[in-house]
Amino acid sequence: MDAQQPTGSAPTPPPRPEHADEQAAHADERASSVAGDPSDDAASPRSGRERVLTVVKWLAAVVAVVLLVVGVVGQWDRIVADFARLDARTVLLGIACTLAALVANMLSWRAMMAATGARVRVAAAASIFFVGQLGKYIPGGVWSIAAQSELGRAHGLARTGSAVASLASMLVSMVTAALVGLVGLLLSSGDGLRTFWWLVLVVVVGLVALTPTFLGRLIALAFRVLRRPPQDIRLTWSGTIWSIVWSIVMWLAYGVQATLVLRAFGVETAALFPIAAGAYAVAWLVGFVVVIAPAGLGPREGVLVLLLGAAAGASGALALAVVSRAFMTLGDAVLAGVGSALAVRHRRRAARAPERP
């Protein structure tokens, strides 16, 4: 029987040496005089660090918004000219499809969070994801991950878990983009598959990497390479599968948006929807890989011209690139505003919570 477990009667305590209590008290006083109050020592560095992180977060937010505005201003003439060719119905449906795609992307991220064991309410997920998405307008490709990891702390999420879920969610987006692009290219009569044959490798390797067991090993390897403490993060099949499903829904919504815009520009061809959806997904994938381009600006347009040139012509493909980017920028701004409002509401509720009896 374990000596620490009582069995019904209290054991007789061993005799304490004479004056033991006084000696212990004096020892505690000496330790306190040497070390001081630990709360006082820890408060200053922690508060200083929090102030620095707050400043960095605000600077990153300002930079993201400035770059977003600069991107719009730089293409303003093209945006005005191309939107003048669209009717109101196409614009409204295009914006609706874009918002639906962005919400599906958020739900894919939320499902991946659930796969890591973190259950996030839809309102909290929207607050974290949509505000953090502004980081994609900063060149580098990692700012949205850093922003989402930091924003998740307000909802009780660990930075490590949020970062892992964001990276895994990006991997899901890349694999599903390659899958949708591959299907679109196979249904196209062009020669796009000769140039983008590597999509097959991305799909095969990506689907294997997304299995919970394999992905868990990759995460553990990443922690060892980065010399970070090991984390017990186990992914579930259900969360991973739902993340993939929502990501595919996202690309289908973008495909509907692209189809509507191309038809408004007079493009009529067989299997336009799969071709448009595939070209859009591949263009995003290439723009994402080129991390130095903010939100894929530049490479994305070049891929659309290459894949849609035969069906829509270079002018039609470029017009789609300009219009779809305007739709996405507007959608990101609107949903970031919604996410910010939800974050403010959460902070106010959290501030009132201690006052409740």
Protein backbone atom coordinates (compact mmCIF):
# COMPACT_ATOMS: atom_id res chain seq x y z
CA MET A 1 0.00 0.00 0.00
CA ASP A 2 1.29 3.46 -0.91
CA ALA A 3 2.41 5.28 2.20
CA GLN A 4 0.89 8.51 0.85
CA GLN A 5 -2.62 7.01 0.70
CA PRO A 6 -4.54 6.98 4.03
CA THR A 7 -6.22 3.69 4.77
CA GLY A 8 -8.75 4.92 7.29
CA SER A 9 -6.70 5.86 10.33
CA ALA A 10 -4.18 8.67 10.46
CA PRO A 11 -0.60 7.49 10.98
CA THR A 12 1.34 8.81 13.93
CA PRO A 13 3.50 11.72 12.76
CA PRO A 14 7.22 11.40 13.40
CA PRO A 15 8.60 13.58 16.21
CA ARG A 16 9.95 16.93 15.07
CA PRO A 17 13.28 18.18 16.37
CA GLU A 18 13.14 20.80 19.07
CA HIS A 19 12.81 24.36 17.75
CA ALA A 20 12.24 23.01 14.19
CA ASP A 21 9.34 25.36 13.57
CA GLU A 22 11.35 28.40 14.60
CA GLN A 23 14.27 27.36 12.40
CA ALA A 24 11.98 26.91 9.40
CA ALA A 25 10.44 30.33 9.97
CA HIS A 26 13.86 31.98 10.15
CA ALA A 27 14.91 30.16 6.96
CA ASP A 28 11.84 31.44 5.12
CA GLU A 29 12.57 34.99 6.26
CA ARG A 30 16.17 34.77 5.04
CA ALA A 31 15.03 33.40 1.66
CA SER A 32 12.50 36.19 1.33
CA SER A 33 15.05 38.84 2.16
CA VAL A 34 17.44 37.48 -0.48
CA ALA A 35 14.97 36.72 -3.27
CA GLY A 36 12.45 39.45 -2.57
CA ASP A 37 8.83 39.18 -3.61
CA PRO A 38 8.70 37.08 -6.79
CA SER A 39 5.56 38.79 -7.96
CA ASP A 40 7.30 42.15 -7.91
CA ASP A 41 10.23 40.83 -9.97
CA ALA A 42 8.02 39.10 -12.54
CA ALA A 43 5.52 41.90 -12.95
CA SER A 44 7.90 44.40 -14.52
CA PRO A 45 9.38 42.17 -17.28
CA ARG A 46 5.97 40.72 -18.07
CA SER A 47 4.26 44.09 -18.29
CA GLY A 48 7.14 45.42 -20.40
CA ARG A 49 6.89 42.46 -22.74
CA GLU A 50 3.14 42.90 -23.06
CA ARG A 51 3.62 46.57 -23.98
CA VAL A 52 6.17 45.65 -26.64
CA LEU A 53 3.88 42.96 -28.09
CA THR A 54 0.98 45.41 -28.15
CA VAL A 55 3.07 47.96 -30.06
CA VAL A 56 4.25 45.29 -32.51
CA LYS A 57 0.70 44.07 -33.10
CA TRP A 58 -0.55 47.60 -33.81
CA LEU A 59 2.38 48.31 -36.12
CA ALA A 60 1.76 45.08 -38.03
CA ALA A 61 -1.93 45.96 -38.34
CA VAL A 62 -1.12 49.44 -39.64
CA VAL A 63 1.41 48.05 -42.15
CA ALA A 64 -1.12 45.48 -43.39
CA VAL A 65 -3.83 48.10 -43.87
CA VAL A 66 -1.42 50.51 -45.60
CA LEU A 67 -0.25 47.81 -48.02
CA LEU A 68 -3.85 46.81 -48.69
CA VAL A 69 -4.72 50.42 -49.55
CA VAL A 70 -1.58 50.81 -51.65
CA GLY A 71 -2.50 47.70 -53.63
CA VAL A 72 -5.96 49.08 -54.36
CA VAL A 73 -4.70 52.54 -55.28
CA GLY A 74 -2.06 51.08 -57.59
CA GLN A 75 -4.73 49.29 -59.63
CA TRP A 76 -7.49 51.82 -59.22
CA ASP A 77 -7.73 52.80 -62.90
CA ARG A 78 -7.93 49.17 -64.01
CA ILE A 79 -10.47 48.40 -61.29
CA VAL A 80 -12.73 51.26 -62.35
CA ALA A 81 -12.44 50.37 -66.04
CA ASP A 82 -13.15 46.66 -65.52
CA PHE A 83 -16.00 47.20 -63.04
CA ALA A 84 -17.64 49.56 -65.54
CA ARG A 85 -18.09 46.53 -67.81
CA LEU A 86 -19.96 44.58 -65.11
CA ASP A 87 -23.66 44.78 -64.34
CA ALA A 88 -24.93 45.17 -60.78
CA ARG A 89 -26.10 41.55 -60.57
CA THR A 90 -22.63 40.21 -61.39
CA VAL A 91 -20.99 42.52 -58.85
CA LEU A 92 -23.39 41.57 -56.06
CA LEU A 93 -23.15 37.84 -56.80
CA GLY A 94 -19.37 38.08 -57.10
CA ILE A 95 -19.07 39.77 -53.71
CA ALA A 96 -21.45 37.21 -52.17
CA CYS A 97 -19.37 34.32 -53.57
CA THR A 98 -16.19 35.92 -52.26
CA LEU A 99 -17.63 36.34 -48.78
CA ALA A 100 -18.86 32.74 -48.84
CA ALA A 101 -15.38 31.56 -49.87
CA LEU A 102 -13.70 33.53 -47.08
CA VAL A 103 -16.16 32.17 -44.50
CA ALA A 104 -15.51 28.62 -45.76
CA ASN A 105 -11.78 29.27 -45.36
CA MET A 106 -12.39 30.34 -41.75
CA LEU A 107 -14.43 27.19 -41.11
CA SER A 108 -11.60 25.10 -42.58
CA TRP A 109 -9.19 26.74 -40.11
CA ARG A 110 -11.68 26.18 -37.27
CA ALA A 111 -11.99 22.50 -38.19
CA MET A 112 -8.21 22.16 -38.09
CA MET A 113 -8.21 23.80 -34.66
CA ALA A 114 -10.73 21.15 -33.61
CA ALA A 115 -8.43 18.49 -35.06
CA THR A 116 -5.73 19.64 -32.62
CA GLY A 117 -8.20 19.39 -29.72
CA ALA A 118 -9.11 23.09 -29.42
CA ARG A 119 -12.83 23.74 -29.74
CA VAL A 120 -13.37 27.32 -30.88
CA ARG A 121 -16.79 28.93 -31.14
CA VAL A 122 -17.70 30.37 -34.54
CA ALA A 123 -17.69 33.97 -33.25
CA ALA A 124 -14.25 33.53 -31.67
CA ALA A 125 -12.93 31.81 -34.80
CA ALA A 126 -14.20 34.67 -36.97
CA SER A 127 -12.56 37.22 -34.68
CA ILE A 128 -9.20 35.44 -34.75
CA PHE A 129 -9.12 34.37 -38.38
CA PHE A 130 -10.50 37.38 -40.25
CA VAL A 131 -8.43 39.97 -38.39
CA GLY A 132 -5.33 37.79 -38.69
CA GLN A 133 -5.90 37.40 -42.43
CA LEU A 134 -4.87 41.01 -42.97
CA GLY A 135 -1.34 39.78 -42.35
CA LYS A 136 -1.30 38.17 -45.79
CA TYR A 137 -0.95 41.63 -47.34
CA ILE A 138 2.49 41.93 -45.72
CA PRO A 139 5.20 40.19 -47.82
CA GLY A 140 6.66 37.11 -46.18
CA GLY A 141 3.75 34.70 -45.88
CA VAL A 142 4.03 34.19 -42.10
CA TRP A 143 2.40 37.31 -40.72
CA SER A 144 -1.12 35.93 -40.77
CA ILE A 145 0.05 32.89 -38.77
CA ALA A 146 1.76 35.12 -36.21
CA ALA A 147 -1.30 37.36 -35.98
CA GLN A 148 -3.73 34.46 -35.52
CA SER A 149 -1.49 32.91 -32.87
CA GLU A 150 -1.40 36.18 -30.95
CA LEU A 151 -5.11 36.91 -31.35
CA GLY A 152 -6.00 33.42 -30.15
CA ARG A 153 -4.52 34.15 -26.73
CA ALA A 154 -7.49 36.39 -25.92
CA HIS A 155 -9.71 33.32 -26.28
CA GLY A 156 -7.54 31.05 -24.18
CA LEU A 157 -5.69 29.39 -27.06
CA ALA A 158 -2.01 28.56 -26.75
CA ARG A 159 0.29 30.19 -29.30
CA THR A 160 1.78 26.82 -30.26
CA GLY A 161 -1.58 25.18 -30.92
CA SER A 162 -2.80 28.13 -32.97
CA ALA A 163 0.40 28.20 -35.03
CA VAL A 164 0.21 24.45 -35.70
CA ALA A 165 -3.44 24.71 -36.77
CA SER A 166 -2.71 27.69 -39.02
CA LEU A 167 0.19 25.92 -40.72
CA ALA A 168 -1.85 22.74 -41.16
CA SER A 169 -4.76 24.78 -42.51
CA MET A 170 -2.45 26.40 -45.07
CA LEU A 171 -1.24 22.95 -46.10
CA VAL A 172 -4.87 21.94 -46.57
CA SER A 173 -5.48 24.99 -48.77
CA MET A 174 -2.42 24.17 -50.88
CA VAL A 175 -3.40 20.53 -51.37
CA THR A 176 -7.03 21.29 -52.22
CA ALA A 177 -5.94 24.08 -54.57
CA ALA A 178 -3.70 21.60 -56.39
CA LEU A 179 -6.55 19.07 -56.49
CA VAL A 180 -9.12 21.52 -57.86
CA GLY A 181 -6.54 22.90 -60.30
CA LEU A 182 -5.65 19.42 -61.50
CA VAL A 183 -9.29 18.57 -62.21
CA GLY A 184 -9.77 21.86 -64.04
CA LEU A 185 -6.68 21.33 -66.18
CA LEU A 186 -7.73 17.79 -67.06
CA LEU A 187 -11.08 19.13 -68.29
CA SER A 188 -9.40 21.93 -70.22
CA SER A 189 -8.35 21.61 -73.83
CA GLY A 190 -5.26 23.75 -73.26
CA ASP A 191 -1.73 22.67 -72.48
CA GLY A 192 -1.73 23.89 -68.91
CA LEU A 193 -1.07 20.43 -67.48
CA ARG A 194 2.24 20.25 -69.35
CA THR A 195 3.43 23.29 -67.44
CA PHE A 196 1.80 22.48 -64.12
CA TRP A 197 2.46 18.72 -64.03
CA TRP A 198 3.87 19.17 -60.54
CA LEU A 199 0.31 19.55 -59.26
CA VAL A 200 0.08 15.75 -59.31
CA LEU A 201 3.01 15.55 -56.89
CA VAL A 202 1.50 18.22 -54.65
CA VAL A 203 -1.79 16.31 -54.45
CA VAL A 204 -0.24 12.90 -53.77
CA VAL A 205 2.41 14.06 -51.32
CA GLY A 206 0.02 16.54 -49.70
CA LEU A 207 -2.74 14.00 -49.07
CA VAL A 208 -0.22 11.67 -47.44
CA ALA A 209 1.17 14.52 -45.34
CA LEU A 210 -2.33 15.46 -44.16
CA THR A 211 -2.99 12.09 -42.54
CA PRO A 212 -3.06 12.73 -38.78
CA THR A 213 -0.27 10.27 -38.00
CA PHE A 214 2.12 11.61 -40.63
CA LEU A 215 1.28 15.24 -39.92
CA GLY A 216 1.83 14.68 -36.22
CA ARG A 217 5.31 13.36 -36.97
CA LEU A 218 6.05 16.37 -39.17
CA ILE A 219 4.99 18.69 -36.36
CA ALA A 220 7.21 16.85 -33.87
CA LEU A 221 10.13 17.05 -36.31
CA ALA A 222 9.55 20.77 -36.78
CA PHE A 223 9.71 21.32 -33.03
CA ARG A 224 12.99 19.42 -32.82
CA VAL A 225 14.51 21.36 -35.71
CA LEU A 226 13.43 24.66 -34.17
CA ARG A 227 14.74 23.46 -30.79
CA ARG A 228 11.38 24.02 -29.18
CA PRO A 229 10.01 21.96 -26.28
CA PRO A 230 8.05 18.95 -27.57
CA GLN A 231 4.29 19.42 -27.64
CA ASP A 232 1.71 16.68 -27.29
CA ILE A 233 -0.44 17.69 -30.27
CA ARG A 234 -2.50 14.90 -31.78
CA LEU A 235 -4.68 15.46 -34.80
CA THR A 236 -8.02 13.75 -35.34
CA TRP A 237 -9.33 12.34 -38.60
CA SER A 238 -12.73 14.05 -38.29
CA GLY A 239 -11.28 17.54 -37.88
CA THR A 240 -8.79 17.03 -40.71
CA ILE A 241 -11.44 15.73 -43.10
CA TRP A 242 -13.81 18.61 -42.31
CA SER A 243 -10.98 21.05 -42.88
CA ILE A 244 -10.42 19.55 -46.34
CA VAL A 245 -14.15 19.63 -47.12
CA TRP A 246 -14.53 23.30 -46.18
CA SER A 247 -11.41 24.15 -48.18
CA ILE A 248 -12.89 22.52 -51.29
CA VAL A 249 -16.11 24.49 -50.71
CA MET A 250 -13.97 27.63 -50.67
CA TRP A 251 -12.44 26.87 -54.07
CA LEU A 252 -15.85 26.03 -55.54
CA ALA A 253 -17.18 29.40 -54.35
CA TYR A 254 -14.21 31.16 -55.93
CA GLY A 255 -14.88 29.15 -59.09
CA VAL A 256 -18.46 30.42 -59.22
CA GLN A 257 -17.17 33.98 -58.77
CA ALA A 258 -14.65 33.58 -61.59
CA THR A 259 -17.27 32.02 -63.88
CA LEU A 260 -19.69 34.90 -63.30
CA VAL A 261 -17.03 37.49 -64.08
CA LEU A 262 -15.79 35.72 -67.22
CA ARG A 263 -19.31 35.34 -68.55
CA ALA A 264 -19.94 39.04 -67.93
CA PHE A 265 -16.89 39.71 -70.12
CA GLY A 266 -18.41 37.59 -72.87
CA VAL A 267 -16.50 34.34 -72.35
CA GLU A 268 -18.60 31.31 -73.31
CA THR A 269 -16.92 27.94 -73.56
CA ALA A 270 -17.64 24.35 -72.63
CA ALA A 271 -16.80 23.40 -69.04
CA LEU A 272 -16.15 27.04 -68.12
CA PHE A 273 -16.79 26.48 -64.42
CA PRO A 274 -14.19 23.73 -63.81
CA ILE A 275 -11.66 25.56 -65.99
CA ALA A 276 -12.22 28.86 -64.14
CA ALA A 277 -12.16 27.20 -60.72
CA GLY A 278 -9.02 25.25 -61.57
CA ALA A 279 -7.20 28.27 -62.97
CA TYR A 280 -8.16 30.38 -59.95
CA ALA A 281 -6.93 27.70 -57.51
CA VAL A 282 -3.61 27.19 -59.32
CA ALA A 283 -3.08 30.96 -59.54
CA TRP A 284 -3.60 31.26 -55.78
CA LEU A 285 -1.21 28.36 -55.14
CA VAL A 286 1.59 29.91 -57.22
CA GLY A 287 1.00 33.32 -55.63
CA PHE A 288 1.12 31.75 -52.18
CA VAL A 289 4.41 29.98 -52.85
CA VAL A 290 6.00 33.24 -54.04
CA VAL A 291 6.16 34.61 -50.50
CA ILE A 292 7.78 37.92 -51.43
CA ALA A 293 4.59 38.99 -53.22
CA PRO A 294 1.94 40.47 -50.88
CA ALA A 295 -1.19 38.29 -51.21
CA GLY A 296 0.34 36.78 -54.37
CA LEU A 297 0.23 40.02 -56.32
CA GLY A 298 1.92 39.55 -59.72
CA PRO A 299 2.49 35.79 -60.06
CA ARG A 300 -1.22 35.16 -59.60
CA GLU A 301 -2.15 37.34 -62.56
CA GLY A 302 0.50 35.71 -64.76
CA VAL A 303 -0.86 32.21 -64.06
CA LEU A 304 -4.43 33.30 -64.83
CA VAL A 305 -3.33 34.68 -68.20
CA LEU A 306 -1.45 31.46 -68.96
CA LEU A 307 -4.32 29.13 -68.06
CA LEU A 308 -7.28 31.22 -69.25
CA GLY A 309 -5.67 32.89 -72.25
CA ALA A 310 -7.00 30.28 -74.69
CA ALA A 311 -10.59 30.61 -73.44
CA ALA A 312 -10.82 34.24 -72.38
CA GLY A 313 -7.87 35.90 -74.05
CA ALA A 314 -5.18 37.81 -72.21
CA SER A 315 -7.45 40.82 -71.65
CA GLY A 316 -10.25 38.71 -70.17
CA ALA A 317 -7.85 36.84 -67.86
CA LEU A 318 -6.29 40.08 -66.64
CA ALA A 319 -9.72 41.60 -66.12
CA LEU A 320 -10.68 38.60 -64.00
CA ALA A 321 -7.49 38.99 -61.98
CA VAL A 322 -8.22 42.66 -61.29
CA VAL A 323 -11.91 42.17 -60.46
CA SER A 324 -11.42 39.08 -58.30
CA ARG A 325 -8.63 40.80 -56.36
CA ALA A 326 -10.91 43.77 -55.75
CA PHE A 327 -13.64 41.40 -54.55
CA MET A 328 -11.20 39.65 -52.20
CA THR A 329 -9.75 42.89 -50.85
CA LEU A 330 -13.24 44.19 -50.14
CA GLY A 331 -14.22 40.89 -48.54
CA ASP A 332 -11.10 40.84 -46.36
CA ALA A 333 -11.73 44.39 -45.21
CA VAL A 334 -15.42 43.79 -44.43
CA LEU A 335 -14.82 40.54 -42.55
CA ALA A 336 -11.84 42.01 -40.70
CA GLY A 337 -14.20 44.74 -39.52
CA VAL A 338 -16.69 42.10 -38.38
CA GLY A 339 -13.90 40.22 -36.63
CA SER A 340 -12.72 43.39 -34.89
CA ALA A 341 -16.25 44.10 -33.66
CA LEU A 342 -16.49 40.56 -32.29
CA ALA A 343 -13.11 40.97 -30.59
CA VAL A 344 -14.26 44.20 -28.91
CA ARG A 345 -17.43 42.48 -27.71
CA HIS A 346 -15.40 39.59 -26.32
CA ARG A 347 -13.08 41.95 -24.42
CA ARG A 348 -16.01 43.83 -22.92
CA ARG A 349 -17.64 40.61 -21.80
CA ALA A 350 -14.37 39.38 -20.33
CA ALA A 351 -13.94 42.67 -18.46
CA ARG A 352 -17.45 42.42 -16.97
CA ALA A 353 -17.09 38.76 -16.05
CA PRO A 354 -15.15 39.31 -12.74
CA GLU A 355 -17.80 41.78 -11.59
CA ARG A 356 -20.51 39.16 -11.71
CA PRO A 357 -21.30 37.57 -8.33
